[in-house]
Protein backbone atom coordinates (compact mmCIF):
# COMPACT_ATOMS: atom_id res chain seq x y z
CA UNK A 1 67.25 -99.58 86.91
CA UNK A 2 66.15 -96.47 88.74
CA UNK A 3 62.86 -96.09 90.66
CA UNK A 4 61.67 -92.85 92.29
CA UNK A 5 58.41 -92.59 94.21
CA UNK A 6 56.58 -89.43 93.13
CA UNK A 7 53.25 -89.95 94.96
CA UNK A 8 52.30 -91.78 98.15
CA UNK A 9 48.84 -90.66 99.27
CA UNK A 10 46.50 -93.05 101.05
CA UNK A 11 46.44 -96.10 98.82
CA UNK A 12 47.63 -94.26 95.69
CA UNK A 13 51.21 -94.68 94.46
CA UNK A 14 53.05 -93.18 91.52
CA UNK A 15 56.58 -94.16 90.51
CA UNK A 16 59.07 -92.87 87.94
CA UNK A 17 61.04 -95.77 86.48
CA UNK A 18 64.06 -95.70 84.18
CA UNK A 19 65.41 -98.79 82.42
CA UNK A 20 68.93 -98.04 81.06
CA UNK A 21 69.54 -98.43 77.30
CA UNK A 22 72.32 -100.94 78.05
CA UNK A 23 69.85 -103.18 79.89
CA UNK A 24 67.42 -103.12 76.94
CA UNK A 25 70.23 -103.85 74.47
CA UNK A 26 71.42 -106.89 76.44
CA UNK A 27 67.80 -108.15 76.62
CA UNK A 28 67.55 -107.57 72.84
CA UNK A 29 70.74 -109.56 72.20
CA UNK A 30 69.32 -112.46 74.22
CA UNK A 31 66.08 -112.24 72.21
CA UNK A 32 67.97 -112.24 68.87
CA UNK A 33 70.07 -115.18 70.05
CA UNK A 34 66.76 -117.00 70.63
CA UNK A 35 65.52 -115.99 67.14
CA UNK A 36 68.77 -117.15 65.56
CA UNK A 37 67.82 -120.78 66.06
CA UNK A 38 64.31 -120.27 64.62
CA UNK A 39 64.82 -117.69 61.87
CA UNK A 40 64.79 -118.90 58.28
CA UNK A 41 66.18 -116.17 56.05
CA UNK A 42 66.88 -116.69 52.35
CA UNK A 43 70.57 -117.32 51.61
CA UNK A 44 71.43 -118.45 55.16
CA UNK A 45 71.43 -121.94 56.66
CA UNK A 46 69.12 -122.32 59.70
CA UNK A 47 70.87 -121.13 62.87
CA UNK A 48 73.69 -119.48 60.86
CA UNK A 49 72.18 -115.98 60.37
CA UNK A 50 74.67 -113.32 61.64
CA UNK A 51 73.32 -111.26 64.58
CA UNK A 52 73.93 -107.98 62.71
CA UNK A 53 71.74 -109.19 59.84
CA UNK A 54 69.02 -110.35 62.26
CA UNK A 55 69.13 -106.96 63.92
CA UNK A 56 68.54 -105.30 60.54
CA UNK A 57 65.56 -107.56 59.72
CA UNK A 58 63.94 -108.00 63.15
CA UNK A 59 65.59 -105.30 65.29
CA UNK A 60 62.70 -102.86 65.70
CA UNK A 61 59.92 -105.43 66.19
CA UNK A 62 62.07 -107.54 68.53
CA UNK A 63 62.99 -104.41 70.50
CA UNK A 64 59.33 -103.42 70.95
CA UNK A 65 58.64 -106.94 72.35
CA UNK A 66 61.68 -106.60 74.61
CA UNK A 67 60.37 -103.22 75.81
CA UNK A 68 56.96 -104.69 76.70
CA UNK A 69 58.54 -107.62 78.59
CA UNK A 70 60.99 -105.31 80.35
CA UNK A 71 58.19 -102.97 81.47
CA UNK A 72 56.03 -105.85 82.78
CA UNK A 73 58.83 -107.61 84.66
CA UNK A 74 60.22 -104.32 86.03
CA UNK A 75 56.80 -103.27 87.37
CA UNK A 76 56.22 -106.69 88.93
CA UNK A 77 59.77 -106.84 90.46
CA UNK A 78 59.44 -103.27 91.76
CA UNK A 79 56.14 -104.04 93.54
CA UNK A 80 57.64 -107.24 94.99
CA UNK A 81 60.65 -105.27 96.21
CA UNK A 82 58.33 -102.72 97.85
CA UNK A 83 56.22 -105.56 99.34
CA UNK A 84 53.09 -104.04 97.78
CA UNK A 85 50.15 -105.72 96.08
CA UNK A 86 48.39 -103.69 93.40
CA UNK A 87 44.59 -103.65 93.69
CA UNK A 88 44.26 -103.75 89.89
CA UNK A 89 46.51 -103.74 86.84
CA UNK A 90 49.00 -100.83 87.28
CA UNK A 91 48.64 -98.07 84.68
CA UNK A 92 51.86 -97.49 82.71
CA UNK A 93 52.39 -94.08 81.11
CA UNK A 94 54.95 -94.21 78.28
CA UNK A 95 56.64 -91.15 76.76
CA UNK A 96 54.61 -89.69 73.86
CA UNK A 97 57.57 -88.20 71.95
CA UNK A 98 58.04 -90.36 68.83
CA UNK A 99 61.71 -89.31 68.32
CA UNK A 100 62.50 -90.43 71.87
CA UNK A 101 60.64 -93.74 71.36
CA UNK A 102 62.63 -94.32 68.15
CA UNK A 103 65.88 -93.69 70.03
CA UNK A 104 64.80 -96.24 72.66
CA UNK A 105 63.89 -98.73 69.90
CA UNK A 106 67.31 -98.19 68.33
CA UNK A 107 69.00 -98.81 71.69
CA UNK A 108 70.31 -95.23 71.93
CA UNK A 109 68.22 -93.91 74.85
CA UNK A 110 67.05 -95.05 78.30
CA UNK A 111 63.39 -95.97 78.65
CA UNK A 112 61.70 -93.72 81.25
CA UNK A 113 58.03 -94.19 82.19
CA UNK A 114 55.50 -93.56 84.95
CA UNK A 115 53.57 -96.26 86.84
CA UNK A 116 50.34 -95.50 88.73
CA UNK A 117 48.51 -97.97 90.93
CA UNK A 118 46.55 -98.41 94.15
CA UNK A 119 47.77 -100.84 96.79
CA UNK A 120 45.58 -103.36 98.55
CA UNK A 121 45.25 -102.09 102.12
CA UNK A 122 46.58 -104.22 104.97
CA UNK A 123 43.59 -105.80 106.76
CA UNK A 124 43.92 -106.27 110.51
CA UNK A 125 41.08 -108.53 111.56
CA UNK A 126 38.68 -107.89 114.45
CA UNK A 127 38.35 -110.57 117.12
CA UNK A 128 35.92 -113.03 115.57
CA UNK A 129 35.27 -114.96 118.79
CA UNK A 130 32.96 -112.48 120.50
CA UNK A 131 30.25 -112.39 117.81
CA UNK A 132 26.68 -112.92 119.02
CA UNK A 133 24.22 -114.17 116.42
CA UNK A 134 20.52 -115.00 116.35
CA UNK A 135 19.69 -118.21 114.52
CA UNK A 136 16.04 -118.29 113.44
CA UNK A 137 14.33 -121.63 114.12
CA UNK A 138 10.94 -122.31 112.58
CA UNK A 139 8.88 -125.33 113.55
CA UNK A 140 6.45 -126.17 110.79
CA UNK A 141 2.93 -126.87 111.98
CA UNK A 142 0.72 -129.66 110.62
CA UNK A 143 -1.70 -126.95 109.42
CA UNK A 144 1.07 -125.36 107.33
CA UNK A 145 1.92 -128.73 105.78
CA UNK A 146 -1.81 -129.26 105.05
CA UNK A 147 -2.02 -125.87 103.36
CA UNK A 148 1.06 -126.60 101.23
CA UNK A 149 -0.24 -130.09 100.27
CA UNK A 150 -3.56 -128.52 99.26
CA UNK A 151 -1.73 -125.88 97.23
CA UNK A 152 0.25 -128.56 95.36
CA UNK A 153 -3.02 -130.44 94.80
CA UNK A 154 -4.80 -127.30 93.53
CA UNK A 155 -1.89 -126.53 91.20
CA UNK A 156 -1.53 -130.01 89.77
CA UNK A 157 -5.05 -131.29 89.34
CA UNK A 158 -5.45 -129.14 86.25
CA UNK A 159 -8.02 -126.51 85.24
CA UNK A 160 -10.56 -126.16 82.44
CA UNK A 161 -11.80 -122.89 80.97
CA UNK A 162 -15.37 -122.21 82.22
CA UNK A 163 -16.25 -120.36 79.01
CA UNK A 164 -17.93 -117.03 78.29
CA UNK A 165 -20.66 -116.79 80.92
CA UNK A 166 -18.25 -117.86 83.70
CA UNK A 167 -18.69 -116.56 87.25
CA UNK A 168 -15.74 -116.51 89.67
CA UNK A 169 -15.84 -119.05 92.53
CA UNK A 170 -13.39 -120.01 95.29
CA UNK A 171 -10.59 -122.19 93.89
CA UNK A 172 -10.89 -120.86 90.30
CA UNK A 173 -7.78 -119.77 88.47
CA UNK A 174 -8.20 -116.36 86.85
CA UNK A 175 -6.57 -114.21 84.24
CA UNK A 176 -7.17 -110.58 85.17
CA UNK A 177 -6.03 -107.04 84.41
CA UNK A 178 -6.10 -104.28 87.00
CA UNK A 179 -5.19 -100.67 87.73
CA UNK A 180 -4.50 -99.68 91.35
CA UNK A 181 -5.05 -96.15 92.67
CA UNK A 182 -4.47 -94.35 95.95
CA UNK A 183 -6.62 -91.22 96.40
CA UNK A 184 -7.63 -91.61 92.75
CA UNK A 185 -4.02 -91.52 91.49
CA UNK A 186 -2.30 -94.55 89.92
CA UNK A 187 0.72 -95.72 91.92
CA UNK A 188 3.94 -97.42 90.71
CA UNK A 189 3.72 -101.18 90.34
CA UNK A 190 -0.05 -101.25 90.86
CA UNK A 191 -0.96 -102.16 87.31
CA UNK A 192 -1.03 -105.32 85.18
CA UNK A 193 -2.36 -106.15 81.71
CA UNK A 194 -2.60 -109.87 82.41
CA UNK A 195 -1.94 -111.32 85.87
CA UNK A 196 -2.80 -114.83 87.10
CA UNK A 197 -4.40 -115.64 90.41
CA UNK A 198 -5.94 -118.67 92.10
CA UNK A 199 -8.83 -117.44 94.26
CA UNK A 200 -8.32 -118.37 97.91
CA UNK A 201 -4.54 -118.84 97.60
CA UNK A 202 -3.75 -115.65 99.53
CA UNK A 203 -1.24 -114.58 96.87
CA UNK A 204 -2.64 -111.05 96.67
CA UNK A 205 -3.10 -108.62 99.56
CA UNK A 206 -5.85 -109.47 102.10
CA UNK A 207 -9.40 -108.69 100.93
CA UNK A 208 -8.49 -108.60 97.22
CA UNK A 209 -9.40 -112.16 96.22
CA UNK A 210 -12.59 -112.45 98.28
CA UNK A 211 -14.11 -109.45 96.47
CA UNK A 212 -13.72 -111.13 93.07
CA UNK A 213 -16.09 -114.02 93.93
CA UNK A 214 -19.30 -113.63 91.90
CA UNK A 215 -17.68 -111.39 89.27
CA UNK A 216 -18.31 -112.40 85.62
CA UNK A 217 -15.83 -112.86 82.80
CA UNK A 218 -15.23 -109.55 80.91
CA UNK A 219 -16.87 -107.59 83.75
CA UNK A 220 -14.93 -104.72 85.41
CA UNK A 221 -15.39 -103.97 89.11
CA UNK A 222 -13.76 -101.52 91.49
CA UNK A 223 -12.70 -103.11 94.77
CA UNK A 224 -11.38 -101.42 97.93
CA UNK A 225 -8.46 -102.82 99.93
CA UNK A 226 -5.98 -101.68 102.58
CA UNK A 227 -2.31 -102.55 102.28
CA UNK A 228 -1.02 -104.37 105.39
CA UNK A 229 0.85 -102.15 107.88
CA UNK A 230 3.99 -104.25 107.42
CA UNK A 231 3.83 -104.34 103.60
CA UNK A 232 7.21 -104.76 101.86
CA UNK A 233 7.05 -101.35 100.11
CA UNK A 234 7.04 -98.74 102.86
CA UNK A 235 5.33 -96.06 100.74
CA UNK A 236 2.24 -98.33 100.32
CA UNK A 237 2.09 -99.84 103.84
CA UNK A 238 -1.19 -99.14 105.64
CA UNK A 239 -2.64 -97.14 102.71
CA UNK A 240 -6.18 -97.57 101.39
CA UNK A 241 -6.36 -98.28 97.67
CA UNK A 242 -8.89 -99.07 94.96
CA UNK A 243 -8.35 -101.50 92.08
CA UNK A 244 -10.31 -101.49 88.83
CA UNK A 245 -10.30 -105.21 88.01
CA UNK A 246 -11.35 -106.83 84.72
CA UNK A 247 -11.68 -110.63 84.56
CA UNK A 248 -10.10 -111.90 81.32
CA UNK A 249 -10.77 -115.65 81.74
CA UNK A 250 -11.96 -118.06 84.43
CA UNK A 251 -10.62 -121.63 84.71
CA UNK A 252 -12.32 -124.02 87.10
CA UNK A 253 -10.46 -126.86 88.86
CA UNK A 254 -10.89 -130.33 87.38
CA UNK A 255 -12.67 -132.92 89.49
CA UNK A 256 -10.40 -135.28 91.41
CA UNK A 257 -9.49 -136.23 94.95
CA UNK A 258 -6.36 -135.69 96.99
CA UNK A 259 -5.71 -139.43 97.23
CA UNK A 260 -2.99 -142.01 96.56
CA UNK A 261 -3.92 -141.99 92.86
CA UNK A 262 -3.09 -138.28 92.71
CA UNK A 263 0.21 -138.83 94.57
CA UNK A 264 1.14 -141.55 92.05
CA UNK A 265 0.55 -139.11 89.18
CA UNK A 266 3.27 -136.95 90.76
CA UNK A 267 5.59 -139.97 90.91
CA UNK A 268 5.13 -140.68 94.62
CA UNK A 269 3.95 -143.81 96.44
CA UNK A 270 0.93 -142.37 98.30
CA UNK A 271 -0.41 -139.28 100.12
CA UNK A 272 1.82 -139.98 103.15
CA UNK A 273 4.91 -139.90 100.87
CA UNK A 274 3.63 -136.66 99.31
CA UNK A 275 3.25 -135.10 102.78
CA UNK A 276 6.75 -136.25 103.77
CA UNK A 277 8.33 -134.86 100.58
CA UNK A 278 6.56 -131.52 100.96
CA UNK A 279 7.47 -131.27 104.64
CA UNK A 280 11.16 -132.00 103.83
CA UNK A 281 11.17 -129.37 101.07
CA UNK A 282 9.65 -126.79 103.43
CA UNK A 283 12.26 -127.60 106.10
CA UNK A 284 15.13 -127.32 103.61
CA UNK A 285 13.82 -123.95 102.38
CA UNK A 286 13.49 -122.64 105.95
CA UNK A 287 16.95 -123.92 106.91
CA UNK A 288 18.37 -122.11 103.89
CA UNK A 289 16.52 -118.87 104.84
CA UNK A 290 17.78 -119.17 108.42
CA UNK A 291 21.38 -119.56 107.17
CA UNK A 292 20.86 -116.55 104.89
CA UNK A 293 19.83 -114.40 107.86
CA UNK A 294 22.78 -115.62 109.96
CA UNK A 295 25.11 -114.87 107.04
CA UNK A 296 23.67 -111.39 106.80
CA UNK A 297 24.35 -110.74 110.52
CA UNK A 298 27.94 -111.96 110.05
CA UNK A 299 28.53 -109.71 107.03
CA UNK A 300 27.02 -106.75 108.90
CA UNK A 301 29.31 -107.45 111.89
CA UNK A 302 32.37 -107.74 109.63
CA UNK A 303 31.41 -104.51 107.89
CA UNK A 304 30.96 -102.79 111.25
CA UNK A 305 34.21 -104.21 112.67
CA UNK A 306 36.54 -103.19 109.85
CA UNK A 307 36.96 -99.57 108.85
CA UNK A 308 39.71 -98.94 106.31
CA UNK A 309 40.05 -97.17 102.98
CA UNK A 310 39.44 -99.34 99.95
CA UNK A 311 40.99 -98.95 96.47
CA UNK A 312 38.85 -96.57 94.39
CA UNK A 313 39.49 -98.62 91.23
CA UNK A 314 37.88 -101.71 92.78
CA UNK A 315 34.91 -99.70 94.05
CA UNK A 316 34.42 -98.12 90.61
CA UNK A 317 34.48 -101.53 88.92
CA UNK A 318 32.01 -102.99 91.45
CA UNK A 319 29.74 -99.94 91.14
CA UNK A 320 29.77 -100.19 87.32
CA UNK A 321 28.63 -103.83 87.54
CA UNK A 322 25.81 -103.00 89.98
CA UNK A 323 24.71 -99.87 88.13
CA UNK A 324 24.50 -101.69 84.80
CA UNK A 325 22.12 -104.21 86.38
CA UNK A 326 20.05 -101.51 88.10
CA UNK A 327 19.62 -99.57 84.84
CA UNK A 328 18.80 -102.75 82.96
CA UNK A 329 16.05 -103.56 85.50
CA UNK A 330 14.64 -100.03 85.59
CA UNK A 331 14.56 -99.72 81.79
CA UNK A 332 13.48 -103.34 81.29
CA UNK A 333 10.34 -102.69 83.36
CA UNK A 334 9.73 -99.32 81.72
CA UNK A 335 10.05 -97.56 85.07
CA UNK A 336 11.95 -94.55 86.35
CA UNK A 337 13.79 -93.89 89.62
CA UNK A 338 10.97 -91.50 90.55
CA UNK A 339 8.51 -94.42 90.25
CA UNK A 340 10.57 -96.18 92.92
CA UNK A 341 10.28 -93.14 95.19
CA UNK A 342 13.90 -92.03 94.69
CA UNK A 343 16.05 -90.06 92.24
CA UNK A 344 18.91 -91.23 90.05
CA UNK A 345 21.41 -89.25 92.16
CA UNK A 346 20.12 -90.80 95.42
CA UNK A 347 20.16 -94.28 93.89
CA UNK A 348 23.75 -93.77 92.68
CA UNK A 349 24.81 -92.68 96.14
CA UNK A 350 23.17 -95.73 97.73
CA UNK A 351 24.77 -98.15 95.27
CA UNK A 352 28.14 -96.41 95.63
CA UNK A 353 27.95 -97.22 99.38
CA UNK A 354 26.96 -100.81 98.60
CA UNK A 355 29.87 -101.15 96.14
CA UNK A 356 32.28 -99.90 98.79
CA UNK A 357 30.82 -102.27 101.40
CA UNK A 358 31.19 -105.20 99.00
CA UNK A 359 34.81 -104.42 98.16
CA UNK A 360 35.71 -104.00 101.84
CA UNK A 361 33.90 -107.22 102.79
CA UNK A 362 35.59 -109.00 99.87
CA UNK A 363 39.02 -108.03 101.28
CA UNK A 364 38.02 -108.98 104.85
CA UNK A 365 36.58 -112.34 103.74
CA UNK A 366 39.74 -113.06 101.71
CA UNK A 367 41.95 -112.23 104.72
CA UNK A 368 39.92 -114.43 107.11
CA UNK A 369 40.14 -117.24 104.55
CA UNK A 370 43.89 -116.83 104.06
CA UNK A 371 44.69 -116.65 107.76
CA UNK A 372 42.58 -119.70 108.57
CA UNK A 373 43.42 -121.78 105.51
CA UNK A 374 39.87 -121.86 104.17
CA UNK A 375 40.06 -123.39 100.69
CA UNK A 376 37.64 -124.39 97.96
CA UNK A 377 38.29 -128.00 96.94
CA UNK A 378 38.14 -129.08 93.30
CA UNK A 379 35.11 -131.17 94.20
CA UNK A 380 33.28 -128.13 95.64
CA UNK A 381 34.21 -126.13 92.54
CA UNK A 382 32.80 -128.94 90.39
CA UNK A 383 29.57 -128.97 92.46
CA UNK A 384 29.21 -125.20 91.96
CA UNK A 385 29.58 -125.71 88.20
CA UNK A 386 26.92 -128.46 88.19
CA UNK A 387 24.54 -126.26 90.22
CA UNK A 388 25.07 -123.44 87.70
CA UNK A 389 24.41 -125.81 84.76
CA UNK A 390 21.19 -127.05 86.40
CA UNK A 391 19.87 -123.47 86.43
CA UNK A 392 19.52 -123.65 82.62
CA UNK A 393 17.38 -126.68 81.77
CA UNK A 394 17.63 -127.55 78.09
CA UNK A 395 20.83 -125.51 77.63
CA UNK A 396 23.13 -127.64 79.78
CA UNK A 397 25.63 -128.34 77.00
CA UNK A 398 26.02 -124.67 75.96
CA UNK A 399 26.51 -123.57 79.60
CA UNK A 400 29.05 -126.34 80.20
CA UNK A 401 30.98 -125.41 77.02
CA UNK A 402 30.94 -121.72 77.97
CA UNK A 403 32.60 -122.43 81.33
CA UNK A 404 35.02 -124.93 79.81
CA UNK A 405 36.25 -122.35 77.29
CA UNK A 406 36.21 -119.40 79.70
CA UNK A 407 38.73 -119.87 82.52
CA UNK A 408 37.86 -116.56 84.19
CA UNK A 409 34.13 -117.37 84.36
CA UNK A 410 34.96 -120.83 85.74
CA UNK A 411 37.24 -119.29 88.38
CA UNK A 412 34.50 -116.80 89.36
CA UNK A 413 32.30 -119.73 90.51
CA UNK A 414 34.78 -120.28 93.35
CA UNK A 415 34.11 -116.85 94.91
CA UNK A 416 30.60 -117.50 96.34
CA UNK A 417 31.68 -120.97 97.57
CA UNK A 418 34.75 -119.46 99.27
CA UNK A 419 32.63 -116.71 100.83
CA UNK A 420 30.12 -119.21 102.22
CA UNK A 421 32.91 -121.36 103.70
CA UNK A 422 34.42 -118.30 105.40
CA UNK A 423 30.95 -117.34 106.71
CA UNK A 424 30.50 -120.90 108.07
CA UNK A 425 33.92 -120.67 109.72
CA UNK A 426 33.01 -117.35 111.41
CA UNK A 427 29.62 -118.81 112.44
CA UNK A 428 31.41 -121.76 114.10
CA UNK A 429 33.35 -119.32 116.34
CA UNK A 430 30.31 -117.19 117.22
CA UNK A 431 27.76 -117.53 120.00
CA UNK A 432 24.49 -118.50 118.30
CA UNK A 433 21.22 -118.11 120.14
CA UNK A 434 18.25 -119.97 118.70
CA UNK A 435 15.24 -117.74 118.19
CA UNK A 436 11.87 -119.38 117.60
CA UNK A 437 9.66 -117.68 115.06
CA UNK A 438 6.98 -118.31 112.43
CA UNK A 439 7.60 -118.71 108.70
CA UNK A 440 6.11 -115.27 108.09
CA UNK A 441 8.39 -113.63 110.64
CA UNK A 442 11.44 -115.22 109.03
CA UNK A 443 10.29 -114.16 105.55
CA UNK A 444 9.91 -110.58 106.84
CA UNK A 445 13.41 -110.63 108.34
CA UNK A 446 14.86 -111.69 104.97
CA UNK A 447 12.81 -109.00 103.20
CA UNK A 448 14.10 -106.35 105.62
CA UNK A 449 17.70 -107.54 105.06
CA UNK A 450 17.22 -107.22 101.30
CA UNK A 451 15.66 -103.76 101.56
CA UNK A 452 18.55 -102.49 103.66
CA UNK A 453 21.37 -103.68 101.38
CA UNK A 454 20.01 -105.42 98.30
CA UNK A 455 21.62 -108.34 96.52
CA UNK A 456 24.47 -109.09 98.89
CA UNK A 457 27.35 -110.74 97.06
CA UNK A 458 31.06 -110.07 96.85
CA UNK A 459 33.48 -111.08 94.16
């Protein structure tokens, strides 16, 4: 076998490989020897078919199998010999000349082909011990628990339609349609044909809900509001806007008290148990948000601390996955990139950078895991599968069957678990400083993280 390197640029490699005809013929003989025991050909006893006759019957098709096997094992042995790992399946370029191919199939000519691939870059890790991280700590106040208990009460005590002459009061649940305008011009995302809102819940921007009190069903009013200065969408923050609001229906809360009877309806002992459950849920949610922000700081630090070229093939594949989802969301909501205050070209550039970041982080995370023997146990893999199944109530069996029949999908559930274990490992080496803050401040931090690099996840 002969191997000549014809390209070595960055991570790209190209090799010319020749497998001698004699090598293919000896592989073919071994293959025919194997067939001899299995072939049943009329006029011959099993296992007694002469090789020459087998060659006549099966020669070409057996030789094409032999060629495929020879190419695969040669490529894999060559990479092993060169101590290189291909980033993706190497691309094999076979000769196009049919006469030449026929000669190879007849064992008369050497098989020469080209192999193109990108190598996985060597990753030399930064020192993970010096990392400084801020760990958000939120202490929930009694008032916040009260508010959440009242919200659960308001949601679960049920509502009854107040009918045609209904007038909006605090605590009512409304169906409404609205059109938002800034300086008389409609703005993206400021419109709904049928939204739901409980008056006094603070779900909409400040000042919006209060102005609906006293409005009648089917009446349209124009209300004036100002977007908060720290609003999630920068292009709306601090702006004054008007909304033309039509009330579609008004449902009033049913009578009832926030008492032990109510708690029992929710399957809990009494109001104290309800408070405890709600407080525990709030703490778990905040703990999870805090971990998310710490994880984000770690990924940012790893991104900052490792600068190396990544295989273009992997970036292209990652970008294709992201872009498909972006287009699906944009088209699904009947919006355009211009509505989002950007252009398709700018969006592509941003997501190209994100794809590259993800691929690089994926390689860094894998290397940290390998060097420090971070592994996903079968039990953790099983837990990830159960969590995935729980996301689809009513379709558990179909989801379970899908993963059972699809080994690749099942394996892909390991990736996020592995990543989180590596992140926990890095966090355990870092210096974490606790930073006290409110729930709102933490929510804003998470929002800012998302806006900077959306949907952080590496495969």
